[in-house]
Amino acid sequence: MPHDHDPHSEQEDPLWSLLAQAPLARPEPWFATRTLALCRTMRLEIEAELVSIRRIWRWAFGGGIGICLAVTILVVQVHSEVAETKQQRKVQEAFEVVASLGSDADSSASATPTSDSSSL
């Protein structure tokens, strides 16, 4: 059912007559200026916070990369030292093997000529 709207009944309504007597709300003359100034200061504050967050992030990111680089260099250095130590052990063992073979060969070689010379 459509709502019947009678414009004459609104004009006679005491609420409408009271509202008609009320002054219209008008903004202050400097309302727009103050509002824009407030928006600008809020934007500047937010930008200042973002700049400080960016600085912190930059330092944290740079520090993290530096720490990762230092750890990587340390691991590579320790690994190379361990590899050198293992290689030195292998070389030392090889020298010992050659030395033991050489002493056995020398003793058998020196024993053979002595026996040859005694047989002559």
C-alpha atoms as a PDB file:
ATOM      1  CA  MET A   1       0.000   0.000   0.000  1.00  0.00           C
ATOM      2  CA  PRO A   2       1.594   3.262  -1.040  1.00  0.00           C
ATOM      3  CA  HIS A   3       2.180   5.814   1.633  1.00  0.00           C
ATOM      4  CA  ASP A   4      -0.112   8.786   1.113  1.00  0.00           C
ATOM      5  CA  HIS A   5       1.832  11.986   1.382  1.00  0.00           C
ATOM      6  CA  ASP A   6      -0.022  15.204   1.768  1.00  0.00           C
ATOM      7  CA  PRO A   7       2.185  18.342   1.519  1.00  0.00           C
ATOM      8  CA  HIS A   8      -0.494  20.481   3.207  1.00  0.00           C
ATOM      9  CA  SER A   9      -0.454  18.371   6.328  1.00  0.00           C
ATOM     10  CA  GLU A  10       3.353  18.863   6.687  1.00  0.00           C
ATOM     11  CA  GLN A  11       3.007  22.640   6.522  1.00  0.00           C
ATOM     12  CA  GLU A  12       0.521  22.569   9.361  1.00  0.00           C
ATOM     13  CA  ASP A  13       2.592  20.218  11.462  1.00  0.00           C
ATOM     14  CA  PRO A  14       4.100  22.040  14.500  1.00  0.00           C
ATOM     15  CA  LEU A  15       7.437  20.215  14.104  1.00  0.00           C
ATOM     16  CA  TRP A  16       7.835  21.516  10.571  1.00  0.00           C
ATOM     17  CA  SER A  17       6.949  25.016  11.624  1.00  0.00           C
ATOM     18  CA  LEU A  18       9.536  24.827  14.436  1.00  0.00           C
ATOM     19  CA  LEU A  19      12.202  23.530  12.024  1.00  0.00           C
ATOM     20  CA  ALA A  20      11.393  26.317   9.604  1.00  0.00           C
ATOM     21  CA  GLN A  21      12.131  28.894  12.311  1.00  0.00           C
ATOM     22  CA  ALA A  22      15.544  27.364  13.186  1.00  0.00           C
ATOM     23  CA  PRO A  23      18.587  29.034  11.595  1.00  0.00           C
ATOM     24  CA  LEU A  24      20.400  27.116   8.910  1.00  0.00           C
ATOM     25  CA  ALA A  25      23.695  25.529   9.956  1.00  0.00           C
ATOM     26  CA  ARG A  26      26.535  27.177   8.107  1.00  0.00           C
ATOM     27  CA  PRO A  27      30.175  26.249   8.404  1.00  0.00           C
ATOM     28  CA  GLU A  28      32.600  28.693   9.897  1.00  0.00           C
ATOM     29  CA  PRO A  29      34.442  30.893   7.430  1.00  0.00           C
ATOM     30  CA  TRP A  30      37.805  29.232   8.138  1.00  0.00           C
ATOM     31  CA  PHE A  31      36.427  25.659   8.299  1.00  0.00           C
ATOM     32  CA  ALA A  32      37.884  24.571   4.955  1.00  0.00           C
ATOM     33  CA  THR A  33      41.269  26.143   5.734  1.00  0.00           C
ATOM     34  CA  ARG A  34      41.516  24.446   9.128  1.00  0.00           C
ATOM     35  CA  THR A  35      40.388  21.130   7.704  1.00  0.00           C
ATOM     36  CA  LEU A  36      42.980  21.232   4.937  1.00  0.00           C
ATOM     37  CA  ALA A  37      45.695  22.275   7.393  1.00  0.00           C
ATOM     38  CA  LEU A  38      44.751  19.383   9.684  1.00  0.00           C
ATOM     39  CA  CYS A  39      44.861  16.945   6.771  1.00  0.00           C
ATOM     40  CA  ARG A  40      48.286  18.200   5.749  1.00  0.00           C
ATOM     41  CA  THR A  41      49.734  17.944   9.254  1.00  0.00           C
ATOM     42  CA  MET A  42      48.314  14.451   9.676  1.00  0.00           C
ATOM     43  CA  ARG A  43      49.788  13.447   6.309  1.00  0.00           C
ATOM     44  CA  LEU A  44      53.182  14.876   7.319  1.00  0.00           C
ATOM     45  CA  GLU A  45      53.080  12.971  10.608  1.00  0.00           C
ATOM     46  CA  ILE A  46      52.235   9.739   8.815  1.00  0.00           C
ATOM     47  CA  GLU A  47      55.015  10.340   6.283  1.00  0.00           C
ATOM     48  CA  ALA A  48      57.469  11.001   9.122  1.00  0.00           C
ATOM     49  CA  GLU A  49      56.496   7.705  10.742  1.00  0.00           C
ATOM     50  CA  LEU A  50      56.902   5.889   7.433  1.00  0.00           C
ATOM     51  CA  VAL A  51      60.339   7.424   6.938  1.00  0.00           C
ATOM     52  CA  SER A  52      61.429   6.239  10.384  1.00  0.00           C
ATOM     53  CA  ILE A  53      60.033   2.770   9.678  1.00  0.00           C
ATOM     54  CA  ARG A  54      61.895   2.731   6.354  1.00  0.00           C
ATOM     55  CA  ARG A  55      65.117   3.714   8.101  1.00  0.00           C
ATOM     56  CA  ILE A  56      64.704   0.967  10.685  1.00  0.00           C
ATOM     57  CA  TRP A  57      63.866  -1.539   7.954  1.00  0.00           C
ATOM     58  CA  ARG A  58      66.893  -0.432   5.928  1.00  0.00           C
ATOM     59  CA  TRP A  59      69.218  -0.837   8.930  1.00  0.00           C
ATOM     60  CA  ALA A  60      67.698  -4.194   9.851  1.00  0.00           C
ATOM     61  CA  PHE A  61      67.909  -5.446   6.268  1.00  0.00           C
ATOM     62  CA  GLY A  62      71.490  -4.233   5.853  1.00  0.00           C
ATOM     63  CA  GLY A  63      72.503  -5.671   9.204  1.00  0.00           C
ATOM     64  CA  GLY A  64      70.884  -8.999   8.361  1.00  0.00           C
ATOM     65  CA  ILE A  65      72.731  -9.180   5.067  1.00  0.00           C
ATOM     66  CA  GLY A  66      75.976  -8.273   6.832  1.00  0.00           C
ATOM     67  CA  ILE A  67      75.492 -10.979   9.448  1.00  0.00           C
ATOM     68  CA  CYS A  68      74.641 -13.559   6.778  1.00  0.00           C
ATOM     69  CA  LEU A  69      77.745 -12.590   4.826  1.00  0.00           C
ATOM     70  CA  ALA A  70      79.934 -12.844   7.934  1.00  0.00           C
ATOM     71  CA  VAL A  71      78.528 -16.279   8.823  1.00  0.00           C
ATOM     72  CA  THR A  72      79.025 -17.479   5.240  1.00  0.00           C
ATOM     73  CA  ILE A  73      82.646 -16.320   5.217  1.00  0.00           C
ATOM     74  CA  LEU A  74      83.235 -17.955   8.598  1.00  0.00           C
ATOM     75  CA  VAL A  75      81.760 -21.267   7.454  1.00  0.00           C
ATOM     76  CA  VAL A  76      83.799 -21.225   4.242  1.00  0.00           C
ATOM     77  CA  GLN A  77      86.976 -20.444   6.168  1.00  0.00           C
ATOM     78  CA  VAL A  78      86.388 -23.185   8.753  1.00  0.00           C
ATOM     79  CA  HIS A  79      85.488 -25.657   6.018  1.00  0.00           C
ATOM     80  CA  SER A  80      88.657 -24.846   4.059  1.00  0.00           C
ATOM     81  CA  GLU A  81      90.771 -25.231   7.221  1.00  0.00           C
ATOM     82  CA  VAL A  82      89.191 -28.618   7.902  1.00  0.00           C
ATOM     83  CA  ALA A  83      89.792 -29.651   4.289  1.00  0.00           C
ATOM     84  CA  GLU A  84      93.430 -28.500   4.526  1.00  0.00           C
ATOM     85  CA  THR A  85      93.885 -30.436   7.768  1.00  0.00           C
ATOM     86  CA  LYS A  86      92.447 -33.579   6.167  1.00  0.00           C
ATOM     87  CA  GLN A  87      94.653 -33.089   3.118  1.00  0.00           C
ATOM     88  CA  GLN A  88      97.719 -32.580   5.321  1.00  0.00           C
ATOM     89  CA  ARG A  89      96.885 -35.804   7.185  1.00  0.00           C
ATOM     90  CA  LYS A  90      96.602 -37.658   3.885  1.00  0.00           C
ATOM     91  CA  VAL A  91      99.920 -36.217   2.703  1.00  0.00           C
ATOM     92  CA  GLN A  92     101.529 -37.108   6.041  1.00  0.00           C
ATOM     93  CA  GLU A  93     100.147 -40.636   5.818  1.00  0.00           C
ATOM     94  CA  ALA A  94     101.423 -40.895   2.241  1.00  0.00           C
ATOM     95  CA  PHE A  95     104.883 -39.777   3.371  1.00  0.00           C
ATOM     96  CA  GLU A  96     104.791 -42.344   6.171  1.00  0.00           C
ATOM     97  CA  VAL A  97     103.783 -45.079   3.724  1.00  0.00           C
ATOM     98  CA  VAL A  98     106.522 -44.086   1.292  1.00  0.00           C
ATOM     99  CA  ALA A  99     109.011 -43.818   4.149  1.00  0.00           C
ATOM    100  CA  SER A 100     108.088 -47.246   5.456  1.00  0.00           C
ATOM    101  CA  LEU A 101     108.322 -48.703   1.949  1.00  0.00           C
ATOM    102  CA  GLY A 102     111.629 -46.952   1.408  1.00  0.00           C
ATOM    103  CA  SER A 103     113.119 -48.261   4.643  1.00  0.00           C
ATOM    104  CA  ASP A 104     111.976 -51.823   3.823  1.00  0.00           C
ATOM    105  CA  ALA A 105     113.372 -51.498   0.290  1.00  0.00           C
ATOM    106  CA  ASP A 106     116.606 -49.977   1.580  1.00  0.00           C
ATOM    107  CA  SER A 107     117.107 -52.726   4.164  1.00  0.00           C
ATOM    108  CA  SER A 108     116.397 -55.468   1.642  1.00  0.00           C
ATOM    109  CA  ALA A 109     118.540 -53.751  -0.996  1.00  0.00           C
ATOM    110  CA  SER A 110     121.421 -53.270   1.404  1.00  0.00           C
ATOM    111  CA  ALA A 111     121.054 -56.817   2.618  1.00  0.00           C
ATOM    112  CA  THR A 112     121.194 -58.224  -0.878  1.00  0.00           C
ATOM    113  CA  PRO A 113     124.477 -56.615  -1.905  1.00  0.00           C
ATOM    114  CA  THR A 114     126.017 -57.647   1.351  1.00  0.00           C
ATOM    115  CA  SER A 115     125.030 -61.191   0.744  1.00  0.00           C
ATOM    116  CA  ASP A 116     126.257 -60.892  -2.832  1.00  0.00           C
ATOM    117  CA  SER A 117     129.543 -59.489  -1.685  1.00  0.00           C
ATOM    118  CA  SER A 118     129.929 -62.232   0.887  1.00  0.00           C
ATOM    119  CA  SER A 119     129.278 -64.846  -1.742  1.00  0.00           C
ATOM    120  CA  LEU A 120     132.025 -63.510  -3.934  1.00  0.00           C
END
